[in-house]
Amino acid sequence: MQWLENKGIDPQRITTGLALLVGIVVIGFIDNFFLMWLVFGALYLISFYEANKLFGVENNTLYAYAAILWLVAGFYPYADDLFFIAAVIFASVLAYTQELKYKYFLPFIYPTASFLFLLAMYSEYGIISLAWLLVVVAGADIGAYFVGKSIGKTKFCETSPNKTLEGVIGGVVASTGLGFMVGVTFVDIDKAIVISLLSGIASVFGDLFESYLKRKAGVKDSGDILPGHGGILDRVDGYLFASIIMLVLLRGLV
């Protein structure tokens, strides 16, 4: 542990990361819809809480609506449709009462929509689609880190000063290459490349969007539930954008 600290690596980050990896492998091996719904639901509700803090939303009633929405998602066959139904209901209540605040719907866009898309993708395309998504996002993170550290010089954007253009390109290349190796077992070669590439790009901007929210809120992390990693949103930000793109492309191209 001392060696890790001397290298500037937080031992807690390594321990938590390994625990998360073991959990992912076990859940993936079991491959059960009810278990996946429970796990995604727990992550969603924590993320919903963290998003409320980032958006500056203070309305405890919203948590009940979020819980009801996820409960329905466990039984309704097209989980992602529920986001649009929720949007219609919100707009209708807003028009009728003129009392709701617009920002109350923000956490029902982010991260709610993405978790509904994640559940829908698992329901329609199985555990292999989640494995593909996992590899794409992990590849984007790992590639961006190592390429950025080694040759990164050009700032990518003001939202995340530590990101470099070289790192982003390296991340997208890595996510496309690694994602292709999983995707090609599931779809044709050309589709595996396109879906991996576009999902990898989405992952980069998912991470960037959460960085933007944290900068606006003036916080370093979305939460502290994961020692060394921050909050749930800090760990799933890339997946929240990439899952939507991947599901849309799977439906449109496969």
C-alpha atoms as a PDB file:
ATOM      1  CA  MET A   1       0.000   0.000   0.000  1.00  0.00           C
ATOM      2  CA  GLN A   2       2.850   2.347   0.837  1.00  0.00           C
ATOM      3  CA  TRP A   3       4.370   1.701  -2.598  1.00  0.00           C
ATOM      4  CA  LEU A   4       1.097   2.767  -4.230  1.00  0.00           C
ATOM      5  CA  GLU A   5       0.985   5.931  -2.153  1.00  0.00           C
ATOM      6  CA  ASN A   6       4.579   6.738  -3.130  1.00  0.00           C
ATOM      7  CA  LYS A   7       3.505   6.456  -6.760  1.00  0.00           C
ATOM      8  CA  GLY A   8       0.664   8.902  -6.132  1.00  0.00           C
ATOM      9  CA  ILE A   9      -1.999   6.180  -6.389  1.00  0.00           C
ATOM     10  CA  ASP A  10      -4.788   6.071  -3.829  1.00  0.00           C
ATOM     11  CA  PRO A  11      -4.919   2.499  -2.371  1.00  0.00           C
ATOM     12  CA  GLN A  12      -8.628   2.989  -1.626  1.00  0.00           C
ATOM     13  CA  ARG A  13      -9.222   3.612  -5.319  1.00  0.00           C
ATOM     14  CA  ILE A  14      -7.580   0.287  -6.205  1.00  0.00           C
ATOM     15  CA  THR A  15      -9.493  -1.628  -3.516  1.00  0.00           C
ATOM     16  CA  THR A  16     -12.836  -0.127  -4.505  1.00  0.00           C
ATOM     17  CA  GLY A  17     -12.128  -0.701  -8.191  1.00  0.00           C
ATOM     18  CA  LEU A  18     -11.362  -4.389  -7.612  1.00  0.00           C
ATOM     19  CA  ALA A  19     -14.513  -4.802  -5.508  1.00  0.00           C
ATOM     20  CA  LEU A  20     -16.594  -3.211  -8.280  1.00  0.00           C
ATOM     21  CA  LEU A  21     -14.982  -5.475 -10.874  1.00  0.00           C
ATOM     22  CA  VAL A  22     -15.760  -8.600  -8.838  1.00  0.00           C
ATOM     23  CA  GLY A  23     -19.346  -7.428  -8.381  1.00  0.00           C
ATOM     24  CA  ILE A  24     -19.751  -6.828 -12.117  1.00  0.00           C
ATOM     25  CA  VAL A  25     -18.369 -10.275 -12.981  1.00  0.00           C
ATOM     26  CA  VAL A  26     -20.635 -12.044 -10.476  1.00  0.00           C
ATOM     27  CA  ILE A  27     -23.766 -10.179 -11.601  1.00  0.00           C
ATOM     28  CA  GLY A  28     -22.915 -10.782 -15.250  1.00  0.00           C
ATOM     29  CA  PHE A  29     -22.362 -14.489 -14.603  1.00  0.00           C
ATOM     30  CA  ILE A  30     -25.741 -14.835 -12.864  1.00  0.00           C
ATOM     31  CA  ASP A  31     -27.389 -12.969 -15.783  1.00  0.00           C
ATOM     32  CA  ASN A  32     -30.852 -12.584 -14.277  1.00  0.00           C
ATOM     33  CA  PHE A  33     -33.284  -9.811 -15.220  1.00  0.00           C
ATOM     34  CA  PHE A  34     -34.678  -9.309 -11.718  1.00  0.00           C
ATOM     35  CA  LEU A  35     -31.171  -9.054 -10.238  1.00  0.00           C
ATOM     36  CA  MET A  36     -30.101  -6.631 -12.973  1.00  0.00           C
ATOM     37  CA  TRP A  37     -33.229  -4.553 -12.351  1.00  0.00           C
ATOM     38  CA  LEU A  38     -32.421  -4.419  -8.633  1.00  0.00           C
ATOM     39  CA  VAL A  39     -28.779  -3.461  -9.187  1.00  0.00           C
ATOM     40  CA  PHE A  40     -29.565  -0.846 -11.830  1.00  0.00           C
ATOM     41  CA  GLY A  41     -32.365   0.443  -9.599  1.00  0.00           C
ATOM     42  CA  ALA A  42     -30.040   0.927  -6.638  1.00  0.00           C
ATOM     43  CA  LEU A  43     -27.474   2.687  -8.818  1.00  0.00           C
ATOM     44  CA  TYR A  44     -30.210   4.788 -10.402  1.00  0.00           C
ATOM     45  CA  LEU A  45     -31.705   6.037  -7.145  1.00  0.00           C
ATOM     46  CA  ILE A  46     -28.284   6.955  -5.752  1.00  0.00           C
ATOM     47  CA  SER A  47     -27.413   8.678  -9.028  1.00  0.00           C
ATOM     48  CA  PHE A  48     -30.781  10.448  -8.940  1.00  0.00           C
ATOM     49  CA  TYR A  49     -29.924  11.785  -5.480  1.00  0.00           C
ATOM     50  CA  GLU A  50     -26.477  12.926  -6.635  1.00  0.00           C
ATOM     51  CA  ALA A  51     -27.943  14.571  -9.733  1.00  0.00           C
ATOM     52  CA  ASN A  52     -30.442  16.485  -7.600  1.00  0.00           C
ATOM     53  CA  LYS A  53     -27.539  17.931  -5.623  1.00  0.00           C
ATOM     54  CA  LEU A  54     -25.674  18.900  -8.785  1.00  0.00           C
ATOM     55  CA  PHE A  55     -28.780  20.527 -10.260  1.00  0.00           C
ATOM     56  CA  GLY A  56     -29.601  22.278  -6.984  1.00  0.00           C
ATOM     57  CA  VAL A  57     -33.000  20.583  -6.807  1.00  0.00           C
ATOM     58  CA  GLU A  58     -34.578  20.365  -3.353  1.00  0.00           C
ATOM     59  CA  ASN A  59     -37.829  18.428  -3.543  1.00  0.00           C
ATOM     60  CA  ASN A  60     -38.002  15.127  -1.682  1.00  0.00           C
ATOM     61  CA  THR A  61     -41.233  14.163  -3.456  1.00  0.00           C
ATOM     62  CA  LEU A  62     -39.230  13.554  -6.620  1.00  0.00           C
ATOM     63  CA  TYR A  63     -37.608  10.491  -5.056  1.00  0.00           C
ATOM     64  CA  ALA A  64     -40.997   8.815  -4.695  1.00  0.00           C
ATOM     65  CA  TYR A  65     -41.748   9.471  -8.368  1.00  0.00           C
ATOM     66  CA  ALA A  66     -38.332   8.103  -9.348  1.00  0.00           C
ATOM     67  CA  ALA A  67     -38.935   4.941  -7.313  1.00  0.00           C
ATOM     68  CA  ILE A  68     -42.389   4.443  -8.855  1.00  0.00           C
ATOM     69  CA  LEU A  69     -40.956   4.952 -12.337  1.00  0.00           C
ATOM     70  CA  TRP A  70     -38.304   2.295 -11.748  1.00  0.00           C
ATOM     71  CA  LEU A  71     -40.847  -0.082 -10.256  1.00  0.00           C
ATOM     72  CA  VAL A  72     -42.948   0.192 -13.410  1.00  0.00           C
ATOM     73  CA  ALA A  73     -39.825  -0.320 -15.530  1.00  0.00           C
ATOM     74  CA  GLY A  74     -39.446  -3.759 -13.981  1.00  0.00           C
ATOM     75  CA  PHE A  75     -42.729  -4.887 -15.514  1.00  0.00           C
ATOM     76  CA  TYR A  76     -43.209  -2.737 -18.608  1.00  0.00           C
ATOM     77  CA  PRO A  77     -41.491  -4.378 -21.628  1.00  0.00           C
ATOM     78  CA  TYR A  78     -40.100  -1.153 -23.150  1.00  0.00           C
ATOM     79  CA  ALA A  79     -38.414   0.615 -20.247  1.00  0.00           C
ATOM     80  CA  ASP A  80     -37.037   3.525 -22.291  1.00  0.00           C
ATOM     81  CA  ASP A  81     -40.571   4.492 -23.365  1.00  0.00           C
ATOM     82  CA  LEU A  82     -41.279   5.430 -19.750  1.00  0.00           C
ATOM     83  CA  PHE A  83     -38.991   8.447 -20.016  1.00  0.00           C
ATOM     84  CA  PHE A  84     -41.212   9.974 -22.696  1.00  0.00           C
ATOM     85  CA  ILE A  85     -44.355   9.104 -20.751  1.00  0.00           C
ATOM     86  CA  ALA A  86     -42.854  10.822 -17.693  1.00  0.00           C
ATOM     87  CA  ALA A  87     -42.060  13.873 -19.833  1.00  0.00           C
ATOM     88  CA  VAL A  88     -45.657  14.078 -21.083  1.00  0.00           C
ATOM     89  CA  ILE A  89     -47.023  13.743 -17.546  1.00  0.00           C
ATOM     90  CA  PHE A  90     -44.667  16.406 -16.210  1.00  0.00           C
ATOM     91  CA  ALA A  91     -45.536  18.840 -19.008  1.00  0.00           C
ATOM     92  CA  SER A  92     -49.248  18.203 -18.470  1.00  0.00           C
ATOM     93  CA  VAL A  93     -49.055  18.823 -14.715  1.00  0.00           C
ATOM     94  CA  LEU A  94     -46.915  21.909 -15.303  1.00  0.00           C
ATOM     95  CA  ALA A  95     -49.461  23.335 -17.739  1.00  0.00           C
ATOM     96  CA  TYR A  96     -52.407  22.543 -15.467  1.00  0.00           C
ATOM     97  CA  THR A  97     -51.015  23.759 -12.126  1.00  0.00           C
ATOM     98  CA  GLN A  98     -48.390  26.280 -13.298  1.00  0.00           C
ATOM     99  CA  GLU A  99     -46.581  25.472 -10.065  1.00  0.00           C
ATOM    100  CA  LEU A 100     -43.846  23.021 -11.022  1.00  0.00           C
ATOM    101  CA  LYS A 101     -40.328  24.288 -11.587  1.00  0.00           C
ATOM    102  CA  TYR A 102     -38.643  23.362 -14.843  1.00  0.00           C
ATOM    103  CA  LYS A 103     -35.518  22.168 -13.073  1.00  0.00           C
ATOM    104  CA  TYR A 104     -37.529  19.480 -11.278  1.00  0.00           C
ATOM    105  CA  PHE A 105     -37.496  17.513 -14.520  1.00  0.00           C
ATOM    106  CA  LEU A 106     -33.711  17.709 -14.972  1.00  0.00           C
ATOM    107  CA  PRO A 107     -32.939  14.582 -12.888  1.00  0.00           C
ATOM    108  CA  PHE A 108     -35.598  12.742 -14.898  1.00  0.00           C
ATOM    109  CA  ILE A 109     -33.526  13.481 -17.992  1.00  0.00           C
ATOM    110  CA  TYR A 110     -30.125  12.857 -16.423  1.00  0.00           C
ATOM    111  CA  PRO A 111     -29.613  10.167 -15.214  1.00  0.00           C
ATOM    112  CA  THR A 112     -33.122   8.644 -15.456  1.00  0.00           C
ATOM    113  CA  ALA A 113     -33.313   8.321 -19.245  1.00  0.00           C
ATOM    114  CA  SER A 114     -29.955   6.571 -19.427  1.00  0.00           C
ATOM    115  CA  PHE A 115     -30.776   3.976 -16.776  1.00  0.00           C
ATOM    116  CA  LEU A 116     -34.046   3.206 -18.546  1.00  0.00           C
ATOM    117  CA  PHE A 117     -32.109   2.742 -21.788  1.00  0.00           C
ATOM    118  CA  LEU A 118     -29.610   0.487 -19.988  1.00  0.00           C
ATOM    119  CA  LEU A 119     -32.393  -1.719 -18.681  1.00  0.00           C
ATOM    120  CA  ALA A 120     -34.085  -1.793 -22.095  1.00  0.00           C
ATOM    121  CA  MET A 121     -30.821  -2.767 -23.802  1.00  0.00           C
ATOM    122  CA  TYR A 122     -30.284  -5.641 -21.395  1.00  0.00           C
ATOM    123  CA  SER A 123     -33.886  -6.761 -21.828  1.00  0.00           C
ATOM    124  CA  GLU A 124     -33.688  -6.728 -25.632  1.00  0.00           C
ATOM    125  CA  TYR A 125     -30.088  -7.751 -26.373  1.00  0.00           C
ATOM    126  CA  GLY A 126     -28.934  -9.596 -23.275  1.00  0.00           C
ATOM    127  CA  ILE A 127     -25.791  -9.560 -21.178  1.00  0.00           C
ATOM    128  CA  ILE A 128     -23.485  -9.464 -24.227  1.00  0.00           C
ATOM    129  CA  SER A 129     -24.697  -5.948 -25.036  1.00  0.00           C
ATOM    130  CA  LEU A 130     -23.816  -4.761 -21.530  1.00  0.00           C
ATOM    131  CA  ALA A 131     -20.415  -6.453 -21.794  1.00  0.00           C
ATOM    132  CA  TRP A 132     -19.870  -4.649 -25.086  1.00  0.00           C
ATOM    133  CA  LEU A 133     -20.847  -1.336 -23.522  1.00  0.00           C
ATOM    134  CA  LEU A 134     -18.568  -1.984 -20.543  1.00  0.00           C
ATOM    135  CA  VAL A 135     -15.572  -2.654 -22.778  1.00  0.00           C
ATOM    136  CA  VAL A 136     -16.247   0.413 -24.936  1.00  0.00           C
ATOM    137  CA  VAL A 137     -16.473   2.809 -21.985  1.00  0.00           C
ATOM    138  CA  ALA A 138     -13.551   1.218 -20.128  1.00  0.00           C
ATOM    139  CA  GLY A 139     -11.498   1.394 -23.313  1.00  0.00           C
ATOM    140  CA  ALA A 140     -12.292   5.089 -23.702  1.00  0.00           C
ATOM    141  CA  ASP A 141     -11.232   5.794 -20.117  1.00  0.00           C
ATOM    142  CA  ILE A 142      -8.052   3.712 -20.207  1.00  0.00           C
ATOM    143  CA  GLY A 143      -6.977   4.884 -23.649  1.00  0.00           C
ATOM    144  CA  ALA A 144      -7.566   8.531 -22.780  1.00  0.00           C
ATOM    145  CA  TYR A 145      -5.612   8.185 -19.530  1.00  0.00           C
ATOM    146  CA  PHE A 146      -2.489   6.543 -20.944  1.00  0.00           C
ATOM    147  CA  VAL A 147      -2.331   8.481 -24.210  1.00  0.00           C
ATOM    148  CA  GLY A 148      -3.069  11.752 -22.411  1.00  0.00           C
ATOM    149  CA  LYS A 149      -0.369  11.084 -19.816  1.00  0.00           C
ATOM    150  CA  SER A 150       2.222  10.095 -22.397  1.00  0.00           C
ATOM    151  CA  ILE A 151       1.776  12.502 -25.312  1.00  0.00           C
ATOM    152  CA  GLY A 152      -1.144  14.765 -24.382  1.00  0.00           C
ATOM    153  CA  LYS A 153      -0.403  18.471 -24.935  1.00  0.00           C
ATOM    154  CA  THR A 154      -3.429  20.096 -26.581  1.00  0.00           C
ATOM    155  CA  LYS A 155      -6.253  21.102 -24.238  1.00  0.00           C
ATOM    156  CA  PHE A 156      -9.524  19.516 -25.328  1.00  0.00           C
ATOM    157  CA  CYS A 157     -11.921  22.102 -23.880  1.00  0.00           C
ATOM    158  CA  GLU A 158     -12.420  24.457 -20.945  1.00  0.00           C
ATOM    159  CA  THR A 159     -14.985  22.241 -19.244  1.00  0.00           C
ATOM    160  CA  SER A 160     -12.346  19.670 -18.278  1.00  0.00           C
ATOM    161  CA  PRO A 161      -8.884  21.288 -18.302  1.00  0.00           C
ATOM    162  CA  ASN A 162      -7.105  17.991 -17.638  1.00  0.00           C
ATOM    163  CA  LYS A 163      -8.429  16.387 -20.821  1.00  0.00           C
ATOM    164  CA  THR A 164      -6.238  16.646 -23.888  1.00  0.00           C
ATOM    165  CA  LEU A 165      -7.199  16.239 -27.526  1.00  0.00           C
ATOM    166  CA  GLU A 166      -4.571  13.539 -27.916  1.00  0.00           C
ATOM    167  CA  GLY A 167      -6.002  11.687 -24.925  1.00  0.00           C
ATOM    168  CA  VAL A 168      -9.540  11.896 -26.276  1.00  0.00           C
ATOM    169  CA  ILE A 169      -8.443  10.562 -29.669  1.00  0.00           C
ATOM    170  CA  GLY A 170      -6.504   7.783 -27.968  1.00  0.00           C
ATOM    171  CA  GLY A 171      -9.544   6.924 -25.878  1.00  0.00           C
ATOM    172  CA  VAL A 172     -11.850   6.764 -28.888  1.00  0.00           C
ATOM    173  CA  VAL A 173      -9.379   4.596 -30.812  1.00  0.00           C
ATOM    174  CA  ALA A 174      -8.999   2.247 -27.833  1.00  0.00           C
ATOM    175  CA  SER A 175     -12.747   2.039 -27.233  1.00  0.00           C
ATOM    176  CA  THR A 176     -13.373   1.313 -30.917  1.00  0.00           C
ATOM    177  CA  GLY A 177     -10.704  -1.374 -31.085  1.00  0.00           C
ATOM    178  CA  LEU A 178     -11.602  -3.120 -27.841  1.00  0.00           C
ATOM    179  CA  GLY A 179     -15.323  -2.707 -28.418  1.00  0.00           C
ATOM    180  CA  PHE A 180     -14.968  -4.195 -31.884  1.00  0.00           C
ATOM    181  CA  MET A 181     -13.521  -7.397 -30.425  1.00  0.00           C
ATOM    182  CA  VAL A 182     -16.675  -7.892 -28.373  1.00  0.00           C
ATOM    183  CA  GLY A 183     -19.150  -6.461 -30.862  1.00  0.00           C
ATOM    184  CA  VAL A 184     -17.974  -8.631 -33.752  1.00  0.00           C
ATOM    185  CA  THR A 185     -19.197 -11.697 -31.852  1.00  0.00           C
ATOM    186  CA  PHE A 186     -22.637 -10.126 -31.819  1.00  0.00           C
ATOM    187  CA  VAL A 187     -23.026  -8.195 -35.106  1.00  0.00           C
ATOM    188  CA  ASP A 188     -21.343  -7.829 -38.507  1.00  0.00           C
ATOM    189  CA  ILE A 189     -17.853  -6.320 -38.742  1.00  0.00           C
ATOM    190  CA  ASP A 190     -18.902  -2.943 -40.141  1.00  0.00           C
ATOM    191  CA  LYS A 191     -21.670  -2.549 -37.581  1.00  0.00           C
ATOM    192  CA  ALA A 192     -19.337  -3.532 -34.745  1.00  0.00           C
ATOM    193  CA  ILE A 193     -16.939  -0.771 -35.794  1.00  0.00           C
ATOM    194  CA  VAL A 194     -19.603   1.919 -36.204  1.00  0.00           C
ATOM    195  CA  ILE A 195     -21.408   1.130 -32.955  1.00  0.00           C
ATOM    196  CA  SER A 196     -18.159   0.920 -30.968  1.00  0.00           C
ATOM    197  CA  LEU A 197     -16.854   4.160 -32.479  1.00  0.00           C
ATOM    198  CA  LEU A 198     -19.986   6.248 -31.899  1.00  0.00           C
ATOM    199  CA  SER A 199     -20.593   4.788 -28.442  1.00  0.00           C
ATOM    200  CA  GLY A 200     -16.984   5.545 -27.529  1.00  0.00           C
ATOM    201  CA  ILE A 201     -17.393   9.166 -28.615  1.00  0.00           C
ATOM    202  CA  ALA A 202     -20.623   9.383 -26.608  1.00  0.00           C
ATOM    203  CA  SER A 203     -18.763   8.035 -23.587  1.00  0.00           C
ATOM    204  CA  VAL A 204     -16.238  10.859 -23.792  1.00  0.00           C
ATOM    205  CA  PHE A 205     -18.984  13.460 -23.791  1.00  0.00           C
ATOM    206  CA  GLY A 206     -20.854  11.675 -21.012  1.00  0.00           C
ATOM    207  CA  ASP A 207     -17.798  12.143 -18.838  1.00  0.00           C
ATOM    208  CA  LEU A 208     -17.478  15.734 -20.036  1.00  0.00           C
ATOM    209  CA  PHE A 209     -21.109  16.519 -19.215  1.00  0.00           C
ATOM    210  CA  GLU A 210     -20.755  15.323 -15.651  1.00  0.00           C
ATOM    211  CA  SER A 211     -17.571  17.390 -15.315  1.00  0.00           C
ATOM    212  CA  TYR A 212     -19.581  20.396 -16.492  1.00  0.00           C
ATOM    213  CA  LEU A 213     -22.277  19.768 -13.873  1.00  0.00           C
ATOM    214  CA  LYS A 214     -19.684  19.434 -11.107  1.00  0.00           C
ATOM    215  CA  ARG A 215     -17.923  22.627 -12.138  1.00  0.00           C
ATOM    216  CA  LYS A 216     -21.236  24.482 -12.161  1.00  0.00           C
ATOM    217  CA  ALA A 217     -22.072  23.085  -8.730  1.00  0.00           C
ATOM    218  CA  GLY A 218     -18.584  23.826  -7.403  1.00  0.00           C
ATOM    219  CA  VAL A 219     -17.835  20.264  -6.254  1.00  0.00           C
ATOM    220  CA  LYS A 220     -15.024  17.809  -6.978  1.00  0.00           C
ATOM    221  CA  ASP A 221     -17.133  14.643  -6.921  1.00  0.00           C
ATOM    222  CA  SER A 222     -20.834  13.881  -7.270  1.00  0.00           C
ATOM    223  CA  GLY A 223     -20.742  12.019  -3.949  1.00  0.00           C
ATOM    224  CA  ASP A 224     -18.563   9.989  -1.607  1.00  0.00           C
ATOM    225  CA  ILE A 225     -20.210   6.565  -1.534  1.00  0.00           C
ATOM    226  CA  LEU A 226     -17.278   4.910  -3.363  1.00  0.00           C
ATOM    227  CA  PRO A 227     -13.986   5.389  -1.450  1.00  0.00           C
ATOM    228  CA  GLY A 228     -11.334   6.761  -3.781  1.00  0.00           C
ATOM    229  CA  HIS A 229     -13.793   7.123  -6.661  1.00  0.00           C
ATOM    230  CA  GLY A 230     -16.408   9.624  -5.462  1.00  0.00           C
ATOM    231  CA  GLY A 231     -20.064   9.079  -6.265  1.00  0.00           C
ATOM    232  CA  ILE A 232     -21.972   6.708  -8.505  1.00  0.00           C
ATOM    233  CA  LEU A 233     -22.290   9.355 -11.221  1.00  0.00           C
ATOM    234  CA  ASP A 234     -18.503   9.716 -11.206  1.00  0.00           C
ATOM    235  CA  ARG A 235     -18.251   6.066 -12.211  1.00  0.00           C
ATOM    236  CA  VAL A 236     -21.172   5.721 -14.624  1.00  0.00           C
ATOM    237  CA  ASP A 237     -21.064   9.075 -16.441  1.00  0.00           C
ATOM    238  CA  GLY A 238     -19.629   7.606 -19.636  1.00  0.00           C
ATOM    239  CA  TYR A 239     -22.177   4.789 -19.663  1.00  0.00           C
ATOM    240  CA  LEU A 240     -25.078   7.219 -19.325  1.00  0.00           C
ATOM    241  CA  PHE A 241     -24.447   8.718 -22.758  1.00  0.00           C
ATOM    242  CA  ALA A 242     -22.987   5.637 -24.452  1.00  0.00           C
ATOM    243  CA  SER A 243     -25.909   3.385 -23.484  1.00  0.00           C
ATOM    244  CA  ILE A 244     -28.408   5.592 -25.312  1.00  0.00           C
ATOM    245  CA  ILE A 245     -26.298   5.722 -28.470  1.00  0.00           C
ATOM    246  CA  MET A 246     -25.605   1.986 -28.401  1.00  0.00           C
ATOM    247  CA  LEU A 247     -29.255   1.003 -27.966  1.00  0.00           C
ATOM    248  CA  VAL A 248     -30.429   3.358 -30.719  1.00  0.00           C
ATOM    249  CA  LEU A 249     -27.774   2.005 -33.100  1.00  0.00           C
ATOM    250  CA  LEU A 250     -28.505  -1.623 -32.211  1.00  0.00           C
ATOM    251  CA  ARG A 251     -32.172  -1.075 -32.992  1.00  0.00           C
ATOM    252  CA  GLY A 252     -31.428   0.798 -36.189  1.00  0.00           C
ATOM    253  CA  LEU A 253     -28.602  -1.296 -37.613  1.00  0.00           C
ATOM    254  CA  VAL A 254     -29.038  -4.821 -36.313  1.00  0.00           C
END
